């Protein structure tokens, strides 16, 4: 497959994209990709710096005649979301991504592809490598841990970046230029488990919800995809109406910025209610399929007998936990009044896990308006407090406020229309781009975000459209030629 991928146009970009796919780079574990990029720069005689958290910047002098142009920053993040299907054998700490081509798209076999944001790294490497490309002075800024906390961007020092034009290649719609993004915050609920002894005449089962599409909790939140944790909570809440049962574990979701695709609970049920449980599972699978048939028709609800549970949650603890999960808000809270069709505020019930003697759930709030982030986060907090949970709210990250009078935007719009014969869509994105943080740290930074078509980001359905990579690459080269 390597030869097939590297034969795609533009060859230099795809060659580097394939090479990146061979290197483990889950969030917070970017050592190998960072060392790879440093070695890549040194072999080409380019200077570089690294800061204390692991961000790196590589500098390339301007081509002859463009030395007096303003420095342009090409920016992307080194980490990727590491998600795989349950039936896929893959170790993200050492295994390469297995790429394949399907109907004009590059995707992966049962895992995330890493096009988010590997395509930015690949294009930056191509610019480092190809000395025939006309460009002003360039800085290539590669940040760490974008996907789990925007840690790299948040930790940037004021003297690390010199340029004041920034091209963020971390968007996923070829026809769109993004000039703003949502801010966000995480709210975490924790509770110490009240364990009791299981009933001797009970049997233990794994109740599982799966088969969902998942997706990015910002980019896809308005599409109504099923949330496996919410569906599982609904099933458990209604199972209480059928017969008394106990929980002994509940787990689901994978990351704060991913809509959960799978969730499961270990339940202890009376031995004489097993047939009723089986009928209940079939009933709710059909209910969920009917409700989600236009967006998540492959949803499954299953039950499988397990070894007998050694301890279970107390009834009061279980009932409060299930009630809080069932009532927890998820999805779009408000649409933008300023930009038609853009989500303004949302919240994602992202993960739940049972570990030792605690249950912990992670929720993620986003909004273009800072006060709305606080409002929704506090509603989640209030719900948690009603259930007697310990609640933690992090500091979050700022929104990127649109600047429709941006000089860089005018340049990009002109180039886009000349090249593609139509106006680009100009909008804001309901996701936490690093531009919001970078703009706060570097006064006067003129920024724009763009990228090729990517769908299914943060899920094993992730894919990138081959033709759009070529178009975005050529668009990027024109920007570098004409920026002044």
Protein backbone atom coordinates (compact mmCIF):
# COMPACT_ATOMS: atom_id res chain seq x y z
CA UNK A 1 0.00 0.00 0.00
CA UNK A 2 2.96 2.33 0.54
CA UNK A 3 3.66 2.60 -3.18
CA UNK A 4 -0.01 3.29 -3.92
CA UNK A 5 -0.27 6.08 -1.33
CA UNK A 6 3.02 7.66 -2.36
CA UNK A 7 1.90 7.71 -6.01
CA UNK A 8 -0.98 10.06 -5.18
CA UNK A 9 -0.71 13.75 -6.03
CA UNK A 10 0.92 15.79 -4.65
CA UNK A 11 3.50 13.06 -4.25
CA UNK A 12 5.69 14.82 -1.69
CA UNK A 13 2.74 15.45 0.62
CA UNK A 14 1.44 11.88 0.41
CA UNK A 15 4.94 10.43 0.86
CA UNK A 16 5.28 12.34 4.11
CA UNK A 17 1.73 11.53 5.19
CA UNK A 18 2.44 7.81 4.81
CA UNK A 19 5.70 8.19 6.76
CA UNK A 20 3.90 9.96 9.61
CA UNK A 21 1.37 7.12 9.73
CA UNK A 22 4.17 4.71 10.63
CA UNK A 23 5.01 6.67 13.80
CA UNK A 24 3.02 6.33 17.07
CA UNK A 25 1.71 9.74 18.15
CA UNK A 26 -1.23 9.47 20.51
CA UNK A 27 -1.93 12.57 22.58
CA UNK A 28 0.65 13.11 25.34
CA UNK A 29 2.96 10.58 23.65
CA UNK A 30 4.47 12.66 20.86
CA UNK A 31 8.15 11.87 21.56
CA UNK A 32 8.68 9.75 18.44
CA UNK A 33 7.01 12.11 15.99
CA UNK A 34 8.80 15.09 17.56
CA UNK A 35 12.19 13.41 17.22
CA UNK A 36 11.31 12.42 13.67
CA UNK A 37 10.52 16.05 12.74
CA UNK A 38 13.65 17.40 14.42
CA UNK A 39 15.79 14.88 12.53
CA UNK A 40 13.94 15.76 9.31
CA UNK A 41 14.73 19.46 9.81
CA UNK A 42 18.37 18.91 10.71
CA UNK A 43 18.96 16.78 7.62
CA UNK A 44 17.82 19.75 5.54
CA UNK A 45 19.95 22.28 7.41
CA UNK A 46 16.97 24.03 9.01
CA UNK A 47 17.09 25.60 12.46
CA UNK A 48 14.65 24.54 15.14
CA UNK A 49 13.70 25.14 18.75
CA UNK A 50 11.83 23.14 21.36
CA UNK A 51 10.03 24.54 24.38
CA UNK A 52 9.61 22.98 27.81
CA UNK A 53 6.33 21.17 27.04
CA UNK A 54 7.56 19.68 23.76
CA UNK A 55 6.27 22.07 21.09
CA UNK A 56 8.77 22.55 18.28
CA UNK A 57 9.28 25.29 15.72
CA UNK A 58 11.31 24.89 12.53
CA UNK A 59 12.45 27.92 10.52
CA UNK A 60 13.15 28.11 6.81
CA UNK A 61 14.58 31.27 5.17
CA UNK A 62 12.69 32.94 2.33
CA UNK A 63 13.38 32.08 -1.27
CA UNK A 64 15.45 34.67 -3.15
CA UNK A 65 13.56 37.92 -3.71
CA UNK A 66 11.05 37.29 -0.91
CA UNK A 67 13.29 37.99 2.07
CA UNK A 68 11.44 41.22 2.92
CA UNK A 69 8.00 39.61 3.00
CA UNK A 70 6.41 39.06 6.43
CA UNK A 71 7.14 35.75 8.13
CA UNK A 72 4.34 33.23 7.76
CA UNK A 73 3.62 30.53 10.35
CA UNK A 74 2.37 27.13 9.15
CA UNK A 75 0.75 25.47 12.17
CA UNK A 76 -0.58 22.03 13.07
CA UNK A 77 -0.51 19.62 15.98
CA UNK A 78 1.59 16.47 16.30
CA UNK A 79 -0.85 14.30 18.23
CA UNK A 80 -3.80 12.28 16.97
CA UNK A 81 -6.89 10.70 18.50
CA UNK A 82 -6.19 6.98 18.91
CA UNK A 83 -9.50 5.17 18.43
CA UNK A 84 -10.14 1.66 17.15
CA UNK A 85 -13.02 -0.71 16.75
CA UNK A 86 -13.34 -3.37 19.45
CA UNK A 87 -12.68 -6.15 16.97
CA UNK A 88 -9.53 -4.49 15.57
CA UNK A 89 -6.16 -5.76 16.79
CA UNK A 90 -3.99 -2.64 16.96
CA UNK A 91 -1.48 -1.31 19.48
CA UNK A 92 -1.20 2.45 19.03
CA UNK A 93 2.06 2.50 21.01
CA UNK A 94 3.91 0.61 18.27
CA UNK A 95 1.75 -0.43 15.31
CA UNK A 96 1.68 1.66 12.11
CA UNK A 97 -1.62 2.90 10.74
CA UNK A 98 -2.82 0.55 8.01
CA UNK A 99 -3.96 2.84 5.23
CA UNK A 100 -6.20 1.99 2.30
CA UNK A 101 -7.97 3.77 -0.56
CA UNK A 102 -11.75 3.65 -0.98
CA UNK A 103 -13.64 5.54 -3.68
CA UNK A 104 -11.30 8.54 -3.84
CA UNK A 105 -10.61 8.70 -0.11
CA UNK A 106 -7.74 7.47 2.07
CA UNK A 107 -8.86 5.75 5.27
CA UNK A 108 -7.53 3.18 7.76
CA UNK A 109 -8.38 -0.39 8.65
CA UNK A 110 -10.43 -0.26 11.84
CA UNK A 111 -8.61 2.70 13.44
CA UNK A 112 -8.43 6.45 13.23
CA UNK A 113 -6.33 7.58 10.27
CA UNK A 114 -4.56 10.53 11.86
CA UNK A 115 -5.34 12.91 9.00
CA UNK A 116 -6.36 15.17 11.88
CA UNK A 117 -3.78 16.68 11.99
CA UNK A 118 -1.21 14.61 10.14
CA UNK A 119 -2.03 16.30 6.86
CA UNK A 120 -0.75 19.61 8.24
CA UNK A 121 2.52 17.97 9.26
CA UNK A 122 2.84 16.32 5.83
CA UNK A 123 2.34 19.63 4.02
CA UNK A 124 4.81 21.37 6.32
CA UNK A 125 7.39 18.66 5.65
CA UNK A 126 6.86 19.03 1.91
CA UNK A 127 7.52 22.77 2.22
CA UNK A 128 10.68 22.09 4.22
CA UNK A 129 11.85 19.58 1.64
CA UNK A 130 11.06 21.28 -1.68
CA UNK A 131 13.37 24.23 -2.35
CA UNK A 132 11.67 25.03 -5.67
CA UNK A 133 8.59 26.49 -3.93
CA UNK A 134 8.46 30.29 -3.69
CA UNK A 135 7.74 31.48 -0.16
CA UNK A 136 8.44 34.20 2.42
CA UNK A 137 10.33 33.39 5.65
CA UNK A 138 8.54 30.41 7.17
CA UNK A 139 8.04 29.11 10.69
CA UNK A 140 6.58 25.62 11.10
CA UNK A 141 4.89 25.39 14.48
CA UNK A 142 4.08 21.87 15.69
CA UNK A 143 2.19 21.68 18.97
CA UNK A 144 1.60 18.81 21.40
CA UNK A 145 -1.53 17.47 23.04
CA UNK A 146 -4.09 19.42 21.04
CA UNK A 147 -6.66 16.66 21.16
CA UNK A 148 -6.92 16.13 24.91
CA UNK A 149 -6.34 19.58 26.34
CA UNK A 150 -4.74 22.06 23.91
CA UNK A 151 -1.77 21.83 26.27
CA UNK A 152 0.86 22.75 23.70
CA UNK A 153 -0.83 25.93 22.51
CA UNK A 154 -1.69 26.94 26.08
CA UNK A 155 1.98 26.63 27.13
CA UNK A 156 3.50 28.66 24.27
CA UNK A 157 5.81 31.46 25.42
CA UNK A 158 5.53 34.96 23.98
CA UNK A 159 8.94 34.82 22.27
CA UNK A 160 8.61 31.36 20.70
CA UNK A 161 6.88 32.48 17.50
CA UNK A 162 8.05 35.52 15.50
CA UNK A 163 5.64 35.59 12.55
CA UNK A 164 2.30 37.41 12.66
CA UNK A 165 0.53 35.64 9.79
CA UNK A 166 -0.66 32.19 10.80
CA UNK A 167 -2.06 29.47 8.54
CA UNK A 168 -3.67 26.77 10.68
CA UNK A 169 -4.11 23.64 8.52
CA UNK A 170 -6.49 21.92 10.93
CA UNK A 171 -9.94 22.33 9.38
CA UNK A 172 -11.87 19.70 7.52
CA UNK A 173 -13.86 21.31 4.69
CA UNK A 174 -11.98 22.23 1.52
CA UNK A 175 -14.48 24.89 0.41
CA UNK A 176 -14.48 26.74 3.75
CA UNK A 177 -12.21 29.31 5.35
CA UNK A 178 -12.58 29.48 9.11
CA UNK A 179 -12.07 32.79 10.91
CA UNK A 180 -13.38 31.88 14.37
CA UNK A 181 -13.85 28.95 16.72
CA UNK A 182 -15.60 27.99 19.92
CA UNK A 183 -14.05 28.09 23.34
CA UNK A 184 -14.55 25.25 25.76
CA UNK A 185 -14.30 23.74 29.19
CA UNK A 186 -14.49 20.28 30.76
CA UNK A 187 -16.61 19.42 33.78
CA UNK A 188 -15.78 16.20 35.63
CA UNK A 189 -18.05 14.39 38.08
CA UNK A 190 -16.66 11.82 40.55
CA UNK A 191 -18.28 9.72 43.22
CA UNK A 192 -16.93 7.08 45.61
CA UNK A 193 -18.79 3.82 45.11
CA UNK A 194 -20.92 2.32 47.86
CA UNK A 195 -20.24 -1.40 47.38
CA UNK A 196 -22.43 -4.17 48.77
CA UNK A 197 -22.44 -7.97 48.53
CA UNK A 198 -24.28 -9.41 45.49
CA UNK A 199 -27.33 -11.63 45.92
CA UNK A 200 -26.48 -15.32 45.71
CA UNK A 201 -29.41 -16.05 43.39
CA UNK A 202 -28.41 -13.38 40.83
CA UNK A 203 -26.57 -13.82 37.55
CA UNK A 204 -24.12 -11.34 36.04
CA UNK A 205 -24.37 -9.94 32.51
CA UNK A 206 -22.57 -7.42 30.31
CA UNK A 207 -25.11 -4.98 28.83
CA UNK A 208 -23.57 -3.18 25.89
CA UNK A 209 -24.54 -0.42 23.44
CA UNK A 210 -22.40 -0.22 20.30
CA UNK A 211 -22.35 0.10 16.54
CA UNK A 212 -22.59 3.89 16.62
CA UNK A 213 -20.73 6.32 14.36
CA UNK A 214 -19.26 8.53 17.05
CA UNK A 215 -17.47 11.51 15.58
CA UNK A 216 -16.11 14.88 16.69
CA UNK A 217 -18.04 16.40 19.58
CA UNK A 218 -17.80 19.84 18.00
CA UNK A 219 -17.96 19.26 14.26
CA UNK A 220 -20.64 16.53 14.40
CA UNK A 221 -22.65 17.50 17.47
CA UNK A 222 -25.48 19.00 15.39
CA UNK A 223 -25.92 15.86 13.30
CA UNK A 224 -27.77 13.99 16.03
CA UNK A 225 -25.53 10.91 16.16
CA UNK A 226 -26.29 8.53 18.99
CA UNK A 227 -24.33 8.84 22.24
CA UNK A 228 -23.68 5.34 23.57
CA UNK A 229 -23.50 6.48 27.20
CA UNK A 230 -26.81 8.32 26.95
CA UNK A 231 -28.47 5.32 25.31
CA UNK A 232 -27.05 2.96 27.94
CA UNK A 233 -28.25 5.25 30.74
CA UNK A 234 -31.72 5.31 29.20
CA UNK A 235 -31.78 1.52 29.03
CA UNK A 236 -30.64 1.18 32.65
CA UNK A 237 -33.16 3.76 33.87
CA UNK A 238 -36.00 1.89 32.18
CA UNK A 239 -34.70 -1.51 33.26
CA UNK A 240 -35.40 -0.35 36.81
CA UNK A 241 -39.08 -0.39 35.90
CA UNK A 242 -38.86 -4.06 34.91
CA UNK A 243 -37.14 -5.60 37.94
CA UNK A 244 -34.57 -4.86 40.62
CA UNK A 245 -30.96 -5.21 39.49
CA UNK A 246 -27.48 -4.12 40.59
CA UNK A 247 -24.59 -2.51 38.77
CA UNK A 248 -21.00 -3.56 39.33
CA UNK A 249 -19.26 -1.45 36.64
CA UNK A 250 -20.06 1.04 33.90
CA UNK A 251 -17.68 2.28 31.21
CA UNK A 252 -17.94 4.12 27.90
CA UNK A 253 -16.48 6.74 25.60
CA UNK A 254 -12.84 7.49 24.91
CA UNK A 255 -12.08 11.24 24.81
CA UNK A 256 -13.55 14.62 25.74
CA UNK A 257 -13.86 15.61 22.08
CA UNK A 258 -15.42 12.41 20.74
CA UNK A 259 -19.09 11.42 20.79
CA UNK A 260 -19.12 7.99 22.52
CA UNK A 261 -19.57 5.07 20.12
CA UNK A 262 -19.66 2.30 22.72
CA UNK A 263 -20.65 1.92 26.36
CA UNK A 264 -21.22 -1.05 28.64
CA UNK A 265 -22.44 -1.91 32.09
CA UNK A 266 -21.94 -5.04 34.19
CA UNK A 267 -25.28 -5.81 35.80
CA UNK A 268 -26.43 -8.37 38.34
CA UNK A 269 -30.00 -9.61 37.74
CA UNK A 270 -32.30 -12.15 39.43
CA UNK A 271 -31.86 -15.60 37.92
CA UNK A 272 -35.59 -15.84 37.19
CA UNK A 273 -35.53 -12.59 35.19
CA UNK A 274 -33.00 -13.58 32.51
CA UNK A 275 -35.65 -14.14 29.83
CA UNK A 276 -37.17 -10.78 30.68
CA UNK A 277 -33.74 -9.16 30.33
CA UNK A 278 -33.26 -10.71 26.89
CA UNK A 279 -36.65 -9.43 25.75
CA UNK A 280 -35.87 -5.97 27.16
CA UNK A 281 -32.60 -5.82 25.21
CA UNK A 282 -34.30 -6.74 21.94
CA UNK A 283 -37.03 -4.17 22.59
CA UNK A 284 -34.58 -1.31 23.22
CA UNK A 285 -32.37 -2.20 20.29
CA UNK A 286 -35.42 -1.81 18.08
CA UNK A 287 -36.42 1.45 19.78
CA UNK A 288 -32.95 2.93 19.27
CA UNK A 289 -32.80 1.74 15.65
CA UNK A 290 -36.18 3.29 14.91
CA UNK A 291 -35.17 6.60 16.49
CA UNK A 292 -31.72 6.75 14.91
CA UNK A 293 -32.42 5.12 11.54
CA UNK A 294 -31.40 8.20 9.57
CA UNK A 295 -28.10 8.81 11.40
CA UNK A 296 -27.04 5.66 13.31
CA UNK A 297 -28.97 2.72 11.93
CA UNK A 298 -26.30 0.17 12.95
CA UNK A 299 -26.79 0.75 16.69
CA UNK A 300 -26.78 -2.48 18.70
CA UNK A 301 -27.86 -3.40 22.21
CA UNK A 302 -26.56 -6.74 23.45
CA UNK A 303 -26.28 -8.78 26.62
CA UNK A 304 -23.84 -11.55 27.47
CA UNK A 305 -23.45 -13.60 30.63
CA UNK A 306 -20.28 -12.93 32.64
CA UNK A 307 -18.52 -14.51 35.64
CA UNK A 308 -20.39 -13.81 38.85
CA UNK A 309 -19.76 -10.29 40.21
CA UNK A 310 -17.90 -10.26 43.53
CA UNK A 311 -19.36 -6.92 44.65
CA UNK A 312 -22.01 -4.53 43.34
CA UNK A 313 -23.09 -0.90 43.75
CA UNK A 314 -25.56 -0.24 46.52
CA UNK A 315 -29.11 0.41 45.35
CA UNK A 316 -29.22 4.10 46.31
CA UNK A 317 -25.83 4.73 44.73
CA UNK A 318 -26.88 2.92 41.55
CA UNK A 319 -30.17 4.76 41.27
CA UNK A 320 -28.57 8.20 41.72
CA UNK A 321 -25.83 7.42 39.22
CA UNK A 322 -28.25 6.20 36.56
CA UNK A 323 -30.57 9.16 37.15
CA UNK A 324 -27.74 11.68 36.77
CA UNK A 325 -26.52 9.98 33.58
CA UNK A 326 -30.03 9.85 32.16
CA UNK A 327 -30.68 13.53 32.95
CA UNK A 328 -27.23 14.74 31.85
CA UNK A 329 -27.57 17.19 28.92
CA UNK A 330 -25.94 16.23 25.65
CA UNK A 331 -25.99 17.88 22.23
CA UNK A 332 -26.74 21.32 20.83
CA UNK A 333 -27.86 23.87 23.42
CA UNK A 334 -28.12 26.91 21.11
CA UNK A 335 -27.51 27.86 17.48
CA UNK A 336 -25.62 31.03 16.58
CA UNK A 337 -27.58 34.23 16.04
CA UNK A 338 -24.56 35.78 14.29
CA UNK A 339 -23.74 33.03 11.76
CA UNK A 340 -26.59 31.06 10.24
CA UNK A 341 -26.26 27.29 10.54
CA UNK A 342 -23.38 27.41 13.05
CA UNK A 343 -23.72 25.82 16.48
CA UNK A 344 -23.15 28.38 19.20
CA UNK A 345 -23.27 26.26 22.37
CA UNK A 346 -23.18 22.51 23.04
CA UNK A 347 -22.23 19.91 25.60
CA UNK A 348 -20.93 16.36 25.20
CA UNK A 349 -21.29 13.56 27.73
CA UNK A 350 -17.93 12.14 26.71
CA UNK A 351 -16.76 9.33 28.99
CA UNK A 352 -17.67 7.32 32.05
CA UNK A 353 -15.38 4.87 33.79
CA UNK A 354 -15.32 2.67 36.84
CA UNK A 355 -11.88 2.50 38.45
CA UNK A 356 -11.15 0.99 41.85
CA UNK A 357 -13.67 2.57 44.22
CA UNK A 358 -14.83 5.50 42.06
CA UNK A 359 -17.06 6.28 39.12
CA UNK A 360 -15.99 9.27 37.03
CA UNK A 361 -17.75 10.95 34.13
CA UNK A 362 -16.24 13.57 31.84
CA UNK A 363 -18.35 16.16 30.04
CA UNK A 364 -17.21 18.82 27.58
CA UNK A 365 -18.87 22.19 26.99
CA UNK A 366 -18.28 24.45 23.97
CA UNK A 367 -19.52 27.89 22.96
CA UNK A 368 -18.57 30.95 20.95
CA UNK A 369 -19.69 32.99 23.97
CA UNK A 370 -17.64 32.72 27.16
CA UNK A 371 -20.60 33.29 29.49
CA UNK A 372 -22.52 30.47 27.81
CA UNK A 373 -19.67 28.03 28.49
CA UNK A 374 -19.91 28.97 32.15
CA UNK A 375 -23.69 28.69 32.14
CA UNK A 376 -23.83 25.18 30.64
CA UNK A 377 -20.89 23.99 32.75
CA UNK A 378 -22.66 25.20 35.88
CA UNK A 379 -25.84 23.36 34.89
CA UNK A 380 -23.80 20.15 34.63
CA UNK A 381 -22.23 20.99 37.98
CA UNK A 382 -25.65 21.59 39.58
CA UNK A 383 -26.91 18.23 38.30
CA UNK A 384 -23.83 16.51 39.67
CA UNK A 385 -24.28 18.16 43.06
CA UNK A 386 -27.90 16.97 43.18
CA UNK A 387 -26.53 13.44 42.79
CA UNK A 388 -23.95 14.09 45.52
CA UNK A 389 -21.00 13.98 43.11
CA UNK A 390 -17.69 15.75 43.58
CA UNK A 391 -17.42 18.24 40.68
CA UNK A 392 -14.27 19.63 39.05
CA UNK A 393 -14.25 22.31 36.34
CA UNK A 394 -11.04 23.07 34.43
CA UNK A 395 -9.93 26.48 33.17
CA UNK A 396 -10.85 25.73 29.57
CA UNK A 397 -9.69 27.58 26.48
CA UNK A 398 -10.80 30.80 24.78
CA UNK A 399 -12.90 31.29 21.67
CA UNK A 400 -11.37 32.83 18.53
CA UNK A 401 -13.44 35.87 17.71
CA UNK A 402 -13.94 36.38 13.94
CA UNK A 403 -12.31 39.35 12.22
CA UNK A 404 -14.08 39.84 8.85
CA UNK A 405 -11.70 42.75 8.05
CA UNK A 406 -8.58 40.56 8.25
CA UNK A 407 -5.96 41.30 5.58
CA UNK A 408 -5.06 37.61 5.43
CA UNK A 409 -8.71 36.74 4.84
CA UNK A 410 -8.90 39.18 1.92
CA UNK A 411 -5.80 37.62 0.36
CA UNK A 412 -7.15 34.09 0.81
CA UNK A 413 -10.60 34.93 -0.58
CA UNK A 414 -9.07 36.50 -3.68
CA UNK A 415 -6.77 33.53 -4.30
CA UNK A 416 -9.57 31.05 -3.75
CA UNK A 417 -11.91 32.73 -6.24
CA UNK A 418 -9.16 33.08 -8.86
CA UNK A 419 -8.15 29.45 -8.49
CA UNK A 420 -11.50 27.69 -8.11
CA UNK A 421 -13.87 30.14 -9.81
CA UNK A 422 -16.15 30.61 -6.81
CA UNK A 423 -16.27 32.33 -3.46
CA UNK A 424 -15.22 30.26 -0.44
CA UNK A 425 -17.58 29.94 2.48
CA UNK A 426 -16.30 32.03 5.37
CA UNK A 427 -17.50 30.98 8.80
CA UNK A 428 -16.60 29.94 12.34
CA UNK A 429 -16.18 26.37 13.54
CA UNK A 430 -17.78 24.79 16.60
CA UNK A 431 -14.52 23.24 17.73
CA UNK A 432 -11.53 24.30 19.79
CA UNK A 433 -8.92 25.30 17.26
CA UNK A 434 -5.58 26.37 18.66
CA UNK A 435 -6.05 29.74 16.95
CA UNK A 436 -8.08 31.04 19.91
CA UNK A 437 -5.20 30.44 22.30
CA UNK A 438 -2.46 31.53 19.89
CA UNK A 439 -4.32 34.76 19.12
CA UNK A 440 -4.42 35.59 22.84
CA UNK A 441 -0.70 34.95 23.24
CA UNK A 442 0.58 36.82 20.17
CA UNK A 443 -0.91 40.27 19.83
CA UNK A 444 -1.69 41.24 16.24
CA UNK A 445 -1.58 37.68 14.89
CA UNK A 446 -3.66 37.52 11.68
CA UNK A 447 -4.97 33.96 11.36
CA UNK A 448 -7.00 31.72 9.12
CA UNK A 449 -7.78 28.02 9.28
CA UNK A 450 -8.40 25.72 6.34
CA UNK A 451 -7.80 22.13 5.26
CA UNK A 452 -8.88 19.29 2.98
CA UNK A 453 -12.11 17.32 3.30
CA UNK A 454 -11.94 14.99 6.31
CA UNK A 455 -14.92 13.05 7.62
CA UNK A 456 -15.29 10.85 10.68
CA UNK A 457 -12.50 12.57 12.61
CA UNK A 458 -11.88 11.04 16.06
CA UNK A 459 -13.46 7.75 14.99
CA UNK A 460 -12.35 4.67 13.02
CA UNK A 461 -14.44 6.03 10.14
CA UNK A 462 -11.97 8.89 9.63
CA UNK A 463 -11.03 9.47 5.99
CA UNK A 464 -9.52 12.20 3.82
CA UNK A 465 -10.50 13.03 0.24
CA UNK A 466 -7.56 12.63 -2.14
CA UNK A 467 -8.53 15.35 -4.62
CA UNK A 468 -9.11 17.90 -1.87
CA UNK A 469 -5.55 17.39 -0.56
CA UNK A 470 -4.24 18.42 -3.98
CA UNK A 471 -6.53 21.47 -4.08
CA UNK A 472 -5.61 22.64 -0.58
CA UNK A 473 -1.90 22.14 -1.27
CA UNK A 474 -2.09 24.30 -4.38
CA UNK A 475 -4.13 26.90 -2.48
CA UNK A 476 -1.47 26.98 0.26
CA UNK A 477 1.31 27.49 -2.28
CA UNK A 478 -0.56 30.44 -3.83
CA UNK A 479 -0.98 32.06 -0.43
CA UNK A 480 2.74 31.79 0.22
CA UNK A 481 3.48 33.35 -3.17
CA UNK A 482 1.20 36.33 -2.69
CA UNK A 483 1.26 37.11 1.01
CA UNK A 484 2.85 40.47 1.72
